[in-house]
Amino acid sequence: MEAREITDSLARNLNLATDPAVHLQVSADHFSRRAHTADGAERERLSESMLRIFPTYSGMQRKTQRELPVVVIERTEVAG
């Protein structure tokens, strides 16, 4: 991974800490959510799930000295 990619990745995580509002698009659907970077027990639990779904994830982690971020995207409450 190049220095710029590392810097960009760290900047995205800092941006989530500052402003967790995200806007997503899946096909033609657009929606707003909140995101945060998982840590501690939450990160461990989600990392284990990731390994079951995407086994090459462990190889990605071994290729770097930094901890790969696990980003959680949550539904926002709908007023109504």
PDB file of N, CA and C in Angstrom:
ATOM      1  N   MET A   1       0.854  -1.172   0.000  1.00  0.00           N
ATOM      2  CA  MET A   1       0.000   0.000   0.000  1.00  0.00           C
ATOM      3  C   MET A   1       0.901   1.236   0.000  1.00  0.00           C
ATOM      4  N   GLU A   2       0.584   2.173  -0.851  1.00  0.00           N
ATOM      5  CA  GLU A   2       1.377   3.396  -0.943  1.00  0.00           C
ATOM      6  C   GLU A   2       1.010   4.371   0.173  1.00  0.00           C
ATOM      7  N   ALA A   3       1.924   5.303   0.440  1.00  0.00           N
ATOM      8  CA  ALA A   3       1.708   6.279   1.518  1.00  0.00           C
ATOM      9  C   ALA A   3       0.424   7.063   1.313  1.00  0.00           C
ATOM     10  N   ARG A   4       0.118   7.438   0.079  1.00  0.00           N
ATOM     11  CA  ARG A   4      -1.107   8.211  -0.177  1.00  0.00           C
ATOM     12  C   ARG A   4      -2.352   7.400   0.188  1.00  0.00           C
ATOM     13  N   GLU A   5      -2.348   6.100  -0.144  1.00  0.00           N
ATOM     14  CA  GLU A   5      -3.493   5.248   0.184  1.00  0.00           C
ATOM     15  C   GLU A   5      -3.677   5.152   1.692  1.00  0.00           C
ATOM     16  N   ILE A   6      -2.574   5.026   2.426  1.00  0.00           N
ATOM     17  CA  ILE A   6      -2.655   4.969   3.891  1.00  0.00           C
ATOM     18  C   ILE A   6      -3.213   6.280   4.426  1.00  0.00           C
ATOM     19  N   THR A   7      -2.701   7.391   3.924  1.00  0.00           N
ATOM     20  CA  THR A   7      -3.170   8.702   4.364  1.00  0.00           C
ATOM     21  C   THR A   7      -4.645   8.875   4.048  1.00  0.00           C
ATOM     22  N   ASP A   8      -5.071   8.481   2.857  1.00  0.00           N
ATOM     23  CA  ASP A   8      -6.479   8.592   2.479  1.00  0.00           C
ATOM     24  C   ASP A   8      -7.362   7.736   3.379  1.00  0.00           C
ATOM     25  N   SER A   9      -6.907   6.519   3.690  1.00  0.00           N
ATOM     26  CA  SER A   9      -7.674   5.626   4.550  1.00  0.00           C
ATOM     27  C   SER A   9      -7.811   6.208   5.952  1.00  0.00           C
ATOM     28  N   LEU A  10      -6.726   6.705   6.506  1.00  0.00           N
ATOM     29  CA  LEU A  10      -6.782   7.311   7.836  1.00  0.00           C
ATOM     30  C   LEU A  10      -7.674   8.541   7.841  1.00  0.00           C
ATOM     31  N   ALA A  11      -7.608   9.329   6.789  1.00  0.00           N
ATOM     32  CA  ALA A  11      -8.440  10.528   6.695  1.00  0.00           C
ATOM     33  C   ALA A  11      -9.922  10.157   6.676  1.00  0.00           C
ATOM     34  N   ARG A  12     -10.284   9.093   5.951  1.00  0.00           N
ATOM     35  CA  ARG A  12     -11.694   8.664   5.923  1.00  0.00           C
ATOM     36  C   ARG A  12     -12.170   8.286   7.315  1.00  0.00           C
ATOM     37  N   ASN A  13     -11.327   7.570   8.076  1.00  0.00           N
ATOM     38  CA  ASN A  13     -11.733   7.174   9.427  1.00  0.00           C
ATOM     39  C   ASN A  13     -11.853   8.376  10.346  1.00  0.00           C
ATOM     40  N   LEU A  14     -10.960   9.332  10.212  1.00  0.00           N
ATOM     41  CA  LEU A  14     -11.077  10.552  11.015  1.00  0.00           C
ATOM     42  C   LEU A  14     -12.325  11.324  10.626  1.00  0.00           C
ATOM     43  N   ASN A  15     -12.664  11.336   9.347  1.00  0.00           N
ATOM     44  CA  ASN A  15     -13.879  12.009   8.901  1.00  0.00           C
ATOM     45  C   ASN A  15     -15.112  11.374   9.531  1.00  0.00           C
ATOM     46  N   LEU A  16     -15.141  10.049   9.655  1.00  0.00           N
ATOM     47  CA  LEU A  16     -16.277   9.372  10.294  1.00  0.00           C
ATOM     48  C   LEU A  16     -16.404   9.766  11.753  1.00  0.00           C
ATOM     49  N   ALA A  17     -15.274   9.928  12.423  1.00  0.00           N
ATOM     50  CA  ALA A  17     -15.306  10.325  13.829  1.00  0.00           C
ATOM     51  C   ALA A  17     -15.852  11.739  13.972  1.00  0.00           C
ATOM     52  N   THR A  18     -15.516  12.598  13.023  1.00  0.00           N
ATOM     53  CA  THR A  18     -15.958  13.989  13.055  1.00  0.00           C
ATOM     54  C   THR A  18     -17.410  14.129  12.615  1.00  0.00           C
ATOM     55  N   ASP A  19     -17.778  13.415  11.550  1.00  0.00           N
ATOM     56  CA  ASP A  19     -19.134  13.506  10.993  1.00  0.00           C
ATOM     57  C   ASP A  19     -19.570  12.118  10.547  1.00  0.00           C
ATOM     58  N   PRO A  20     -20.304  11.392  11.387  1.00  0.00           N
ATOM     59  CA  PRO A  20     -20.665  10.010  11.064  1.00  0.00           C
ATOM     60  C   PRO A  20     -21.800   9.855  10.050  1.00  0.00           C
ATOM     61  N   ALA A  21     -22.362  10.964   9.566  1.00  0.00           N
ATOM     62  CA  ALA A  21     -23.442  10.872   8.583  1.00  0.00           C
ATOM     63  C   ALA A  21     -22.866  10.454   7.233  1.00  0.00           C
ATOM     64  N   VAL A  22     -23.453   9.412   6.642  1.00  0.00           N
ATOM     65  CA  VAL A  22     -23.031   8.951   5.322  1.00  0.00           C
ATOM     66  C   VAL A  22     -24.247   8.826   4.429  1.00  0.00           C
ATOM     67  N   HIS A  23     -24.016   8.924   3.140  1.00  0.00           N
ATOM     68  CA  HIS A  23     -25.087   8.742   2.163  1.00  0.00           C
ATOM     69  C   HIS A  23     -24.648   7.625   1.233  1.00  0.00           C
ATOM     70  N   LEU A  24     -25.501   6.617   1.078  1.00  0.00           N
ATOM     71  CA  LEU A  24     -25.171   5.441   0.278  1.00  0.00           C
ATOM     72  C   LEU A  24     -26.089   5.315  -0.921  1.00  0.00           C
ATOM     73  N   GLN A  25     -25.572   4.640  -1.936  1.00  0.00           N
ATOM     74  CA  GLN A  25     -26.387   4.293  -3.091  1.00  0.00           C
ATOM     75  C   GLN A  25     -26.148   2.829  -3.400  1.00  0.00           C
ATOM     76  N   VAL A  26     -27.241   2.062  -3.487  1.00  0.00           N
ATOM     77  CA  VAL A  26     -27.201   0.677  -3.915  1.00  0.00           C
ATOM     78  C   VAL A  26     -28.161   0.573  -5.088  1.00  0.00           C
ATOM     79  N   SER A  27     -27.601   0.344  -6.253  1.00  0.00           N
ATOM     80  CA  SER A  27     -28.371   0.395  -7.497  1.00  0.00           C
ATOM     81  C   SER A  27     -29.040   1.764  -7.587  1.00  0.00           C
ATOM     82  N   ALA A  28     -30.365   1.818  -7.701  1.00  0.00           N
ATOM     83  CA  ALA A  28     -31.059   3.106  -7.813  1.00  0.00           C
ATOM     84  C   ALA A  28     -31.500   3.656  -6.458  1.00  0.00           C
ATOM     85  N   ASP A  29     -31.306   2.897  -5.393  1.00  0.00           N
ATOM     86  CA  ASP A  29     -31.735   3.324  -4.060  1.00  0.00           C
ATOM     87  C   ASP A  29     -30.676   4.194  -3.384  1.00  0.00           C
ATOM     88  N   HIS A  30     -31.113   5.324  -2.851  1.00  0.00           N
ATOM     89  CA  HIS A  30     -30.249   6.241  -2.107  1.00  0.00           C
ATOM     90  C   HIS A  30     -30.776   6.319  -0.681  1.00  0.00           C
ATOM     91  N   PHE A  31     -29.872   6.297   0.299  1.00  0.00           N
ATOM     92  CA  PHE A  31     -30.328   6.417   1.677  1.00  0.00           C
ATOM     93  C   PHE A  31     -29.218   6.955   2.565  1.00  0.00           C
ATOM     94  N   SER A  32     -29.614   7.544   3.677  1.00  0.00           N
ATOM     95  CA  SER A  32     -28.681   8.106   4.648  1.00  0.00           C
ATOM     96  C   SER A  32     -28.542   7.153   5.828  1.00  0.00           C
ATOM     97  N   ARG A  33     -27.345   7.094   6.364  1.00  0.00           N
ATOM     98  CA  ARG A  33     -27.052   6.235   7.512  1.00  0.00           C
ATOM     99  C   ARG A  33     -26.016   6.928   8.390  1.00  0.00           C
ATOM    100  N   ARG A  34     -25.678   6.292   9.509  1.00  0.00           N
ATOM    101  CA  ARG A  34     -24.591   6.747  10.388  1.00  0.00           C
ATOM    102  C   ARG A  34     -23.533   5.654  10.394  1.00  0.00           C
ATOM    103  N   ALA A  35     -22.284   6.054  10.432  1.00  0.00           N
ATOM    104  CA  ALA A  35     -21.187   5.088  10.403  1.00  0.00           C
ATOM    105  C   ALA A  35     -20.208   5.360  11.532  1.00  0.00           C
ATOM    106  N   HIS A  36     -19.553   4.297  11.986  1.00  0.00           N
ATOM    107  CA  HIS A  36     -18.465   4.438  12.952  1.00  0.00           C
ATOM    108  C   HIS A  36     -17.460   3.315  12.731  1.00  0.00           C
ATOM    109  N   THR A  37     -16.257   3.535  13.169  1.00  0.00           N
ATOM    110  CA  THR A  37     -15.220   2.523  13.079  1.00  0.00           C
ATOM    111  C   THR A  37     -15.287   1.663  14.344  1.00  0.00           C
ATOM    112  N   ALA A  38     -15.454   0.356  14.150  1.00  0.00           N
ATOM    113  CA  ALA A  38     -15.567  -0.569  15.283  1.00  0.00           C
ATOM    114  C   ALA A  38     -14.228  -0.720  15.982  1.00  0.00           C
ATOM    115  N   ASP A  39     -14.294  -0.916  17.299  1.00  0.00           N
ATOM    116  CA  ASP A  39     -13.081  -1.217  18.055  1.00  0.00           C
ATOM    117  C   ASP A  39     -13.413  -2.207  19.159  1.00  0.00           C
ATOM    118  N   GLY A  40     -12.389  -2.692  19.823  1.00  0.00           N
ATOM    119  CA  GLY A  40     -12.579  -3.596  20.956  1.00  0.00           C
ATOM    120  C   GLY A  40     -13.350  -4.855  20.597  1.00  0.00           C
ATOM    121  N   ALA A  41     -14.283  -5.234  21.480  1.00  0.00           N
ATOM    122  CA  ALA A  41     -15.049  -6.465  21.311  1.00  0.00           C
ATOM    123  C   ALA A  41     -15.910  -6.437  20.050  1.00  0.00           C
ATOM    124  N   GLU A  42     -16.440  -5.262  19.718  1.00  0.00           N
ATOM    125  CA  GLU A  42     -17.256  -5.155  18.503  1.00  0.00           C
ATOM    126  C   GLU A  42     -16.407  -5.479  17.276  1.00  0.00           C
ATOM    127  N   ARG A  43     -15.191  -4.933  17.222  1.00  0.00           N
ATOM    128  CA  ARG A  43     -14.301  -5.185  16.088  1.00  0.00           C
ATOM    129  C   ARG A  43     -13.935  -6.670  15.999  1.00  0.00           C
ATOM    130  N   GLU A  44     -13.635  -7.288  17.138  1.00  0.00           N
ATOM    131  CA  GLU A  44     -13.296  -8.714  17.162  1.00  0.00           C
ATOM    132  C   GLU A  44     -14.446  -9.561  16.619  1.00  0.00           C
ATOM    133  N   ARG A  45     -15.654  -9.277  17.100  1.00  0.00           N
ATOM    134  CA  ARG A  45     -16.835 -10.033  16.662  1.00  0.00           C
ATOM    135  C   ARG A  45     -17.063  -9.879  15.167  1.00  0.00           C
ATOM    136  N   LEU A  46     -16.979  -8.648  14.681  1.00  0.00           N
ATOM    137  CA  LEU A  46     -17.211  -8.401  13.260  1.00  0.00           C
ATOM    138  C   LEU A  46     -16.087  -8.963  12.395  1.00  0.00           C
ATOM    139  N   SER A  47     -14.860  -8.915  12.885  1.00  0.00           N
ATOM    140  CA  SER A  47     -13.738  -9.482  12.134  1.00  0.00           C
ATOM    141  C   SER A  47     -13.911 -10.985  11.961  1.00  0.00           C
ATOM    142  N   GLU A  48     -14.373 -11.665  13.000  1.00  0.00           N
ATOM    143  CA  GLU A  48     -14.634 -13.102  12.898  1.00  0.00           C
ATOM    144  C   GLU A  48     -15.707 -13.382  11.848  1.00  0.00           C
ATOM    145  N   SER A  49     -16.746 -12.559  11.818  1.00  0.00           N
ATOM    146  CA  SER A  49     -17.792 -12.715  10.800  1.00  0.00           C
ATOM    147  C   SER A  49     -17.227 -12.476   9.403  1.00  0.00           C
ATOM    148  N   MET A  50     -16.385 -11.452   9.287  1.00  0.00           N
ATOM    149  CA  MET A  50     -15.761 -11.155   7.993  1.00  0.00           C
ATOM    150  C   MET A  50     -14.946 -12.340   7.480  1.00  0.00           C
ATOM    151  N   LEU A  51     -14.208 -12.996   8.369  1.00  0.00           N
ATOM    152  CA  LEU A  51     -13.387 -14.144   7.965  1.00  0.00           C
ATOM    153  C   LEU A  51     -14.240 -15.295   7.440  1.00  0.00           C
ATOM    154  N   ARG A  52     -15.432 -15.474   8.022  1.00  0.00           N
ATOM    155  CA  ARG A  52     -16.325 -16.529   7.528  1.00  0.00           C
ATOM    156  C   ARG A  52     -16.884 -16.178   6.155  1.00  0.00           C
ATOM    157  N   ILE A  53     -17.201 -14.912   5.942  1.00  0.00           N
ATOM    158  CA  ILE A  53     -17.792 -14.469   4.681  1.00  0.00           C
ATOM    159  C   ILE A  53     -16.739 -14.263   3.598  1.00  0.00           C
ATOM    160  N   PHE A  54     -15.587 -13.732   3.993  1.00  0.00           N
ATOM    161  CA  PHE A  54     -14.541 -13.302   3.070  1.00  0.00           C
ATOM    162  C   PHE A  54     -13.185 -13.800   3.593  1.00  0.00           C
ATOM    163  N   PRO A  55     -12.874 -15.094   3.399  1.00  0.00           N
ATOM    164  CA  PRO A  55     -11.669 -15.685   3.994  1.00  0.00           C
ATOM    165  C   PRO A  55     -10.357 -14.978   3.638  1.00  0.00           C
ATOM    166  N   THR A  56     -10.276 -14.330   2.506  1.00  0.00           N
ATOM    167  CA  THR A  56      -9.023 -13.660   2.128  1.00  0.00           C
ATOM    168  C   THR A  56      -8.770 -12.403   2.958  1.00  0.00           C
ATOM    169  N   TYR A  57      -9.726 -12.021   3.792  1.00  0.00           N
ATOM    170  CA  TYR A  57      -9.558 -10.862   4.673  1.00  0.00           C
ATOM    171  C   TYR A  57      -8.335 -11.025   5.573  1.00  0.00           C
ATOM    172  N   SER A  58      -8.094 -12.234   6.065  1.00  0.00           N
ATOM    173  CA  SER A  58      -6.933 -12.454   6.944  1.00  0.00           C
ATOM    174  C   SER A  58      -5.630 -12.219   6.189  1.00  0.00           C
ATOM    175  N   GLY A  59      -5.589 -12.583   4.921  1.00  0.00           N
ATOM    176  CA  GLY A  59      -4.400 -12.326   4.118  1.00  0.00           C
ATOM    177  C   GLY A  59      -4.171 -10.845   3.915  1.00  0.00           C
ATOM    178  N   MET A  60      -5.242 -10.102   3.766  1.00  0.00           N
ATOM    179  CA  MET A  60      -5.121  -8.648   3.618  1.00  0.00           C
ATOM    180  C   MET A  60      -4.512  -8.051   4.883  1.00  0.00           C
ATOM    181  N   GLN A  61      -4.968  -8.518   6.049  1.00  0.00           N
ATOM    182  CA  GLN A  61      -4.454  -7.988   7.312  1.00  0.00           C
ATOM    183  C   GLN A  61      -2.981  -8.341   7.496  1.00  0.00           C
ATOM    184  N   ARG A  62      -2.591  -9.540   7.077  1.00  0.00           N
ATOM    185  CA  ARG A  62      -1.192  -9.952   7.227  1.00  0.00           C
ATOM    186  C   ARG A  62      -0.253  -9.128   6.354  1.00  0.00           C
ATOM    187  N   LYS A  63      -0.754  -8.535   5.289  1.00  0.00           N
ATOM    188  CA  LYS A  63       0.089  -7.770   4.368  1.00  0.00           C
ATOM    189  C   LYS A  63       0.398  -6.357   4.855  1.00  0.00           C
ATOM    190  N   THR A  64      -0.159  -5.970   5.973  1.00  0.00           N
ATOM    191  CA  THR A  64       0.071  -4.621   6.484  1.00  0.00           C
ATOM    192  C   THR A  64       0.351  -4.664   7.981  1.00  0.00           C
ATOM    193  N   GLN A  65       1.053  -3.661   8.466  1.00  0.00           N
ATOM    194  CA  GLN A  65       1.319  -3.586   9.895  1.00  0.00           C
ATOM    195  C   GLN A  65       0.216  -2.838  10.636  1.00  0.00           C
ATOM    196  N   ARG A  66      -0.570  -2.053   9.918  1.00  0.00           N
ATOM    197  CA  ARG A  66      -1.645  -1.305  10.564  1.00  0.00           C
ATOM    198  C   ARG A  66      -2.891  -2.176  10.678  1.00  0.00           C
ATOM    199  N   GLU A  67      -3.746  -1.840  11.600  1.00  0.00           N
ATOM    200  CA  GLU A  67      -4.996  -2.562  11.758  1.00  0.00           C
ATOM    201  C   GLU A  67      -5.989  -2.082  10.707  1.00  0.00           C
ATOM    202  N   LEU A  68      -6.513  -3.013   9.915  1.00  0.00           N
ATOM    203  CA  LEU A  68      -7.508  -2.635   8.920  1.00  0.00           C
ATOM    204  C   LEU A  68      -8.779  -2.189   9.633  1.00  0.00           C
ATOM    205  N   PRO A  69      -9.344  -1.061   9.244  1.00  0.00           N
ATOM    206  CA  PRO A  69     -10.559  -0.585   9.911  1.00  0.00           C
ATOM    207  C   PRO A  69     -11.772  -1.436   9.550  1.00  0.00           C
ATOM    208  N   VAL A  70     -12.659  -1.599  10.500  1.00  0.00           N
ATOM    209  CA  VAL A  70     -13.949  -2.243  10.274  1.00  0.00           C
ATOM    210  C   VAL A  70     -14.990  -1.150  10.487  1.00  0.00           C
ATOM    211  N   VAL A  71     -15.662  -0.779   9.426  1.00  0.00           N
ATOM    212  CA  VAL A  71     -16.632   0.321   9.487  1.00  0.00           C
ATOM    213  C   VAL A  71     -18.037  -0.260   9.597  1.00  0.00           C
ATOM    214  N   VAL A  72     -18.787   0.227  10.572  1.00  0.00           N
ATOM    215  CA  VAL A  72     -20.160  -0.206  10.821  1.00  0.00           C
ATOM    216  C   VAL A  72     -21.090   0.886  10.306  1.00  0.00           C
ATOM    217  N   ILE A  73     -22.043   0.500   9.487  1.00  0.00           N
ATOM    218  CA  ILE A  73     -23.040   1.447   8.977  1.00  0.00           C
ATOM    219  C   ILE A  73     -24.380   1.053   9.574  1.00  0.00           C
ATOM    220  N   GLU A  74     -25.000   1.998  10.272  1.00  0.00           N
ATOM    221  CA  GLU A  74     -26.244   1.738  10.994  1.00  0.00           C
ATOM    222  C   GLU A  74     -27.399   2.545  10.416  1.00  0.00           C
ATOM    223  N   ARG A  75     -28.569   1.985  10.539  1.00  0.00           N
ATOM    224  CA  ARG A  75     -29.769   2.704  10.117  1.00  0.00           C
ATOM    225  C   ARG A  75     -29.961   3.948  10.975  1.00  0.00           C
ATOM    226  N   THR A  76     -30.461   4.990  10.393  1.00  0.00           N
ATOM    227  CA  THR A  76     -30.813   6.175  11.161  1.00  0.00           C
ATOM    228  C   THR A  76     -32.294   6.098  11.488  1.00  0.00           C
ATOM    229  N   GLU A  77     -32.669   6.683  12.586  1.00  0.00           N
ATOM    230  CA  GLU A  77     -34.075   6.679  12.993  1.00  0.00           C
ATOM    231  C   GLU A  77     -34.891   7.511  12.015  1.00  0.00           C
ATOM    232  N   VAL A  78     -36.064   7.018  11.703  1.00  0.00           N
ATOM    233  CA  VAL A  78     -36.967   7.734  10.810  1.00  0.00           C
ATOM    234  C   VAL A  78     -38.074   8.338  11.660  1.00  0.00           C
ATOM    235  N   ALA A  79     -38.199   9.662  11.583  1.00  0.00           N
ATOM    236  CA  ALA A  79     -39.258  10.341  12.335  1.00  0.00           C
ATOM    237  C   ALA A  79     -40.606   9.995  11.726  1.00  0.00           C
ATOM    238  N   GLY A  80     -41.594   9.805  12.552  1.00  0.00           N
ATOM    239  CA  GLY A  80     -42.869   9.473  11.949  1.00  0.00           C
ATOM    240  C   GLY A  80     -43.897   9.283  12.893  1.00  0.00           C
TER     241      GLY A  80
END
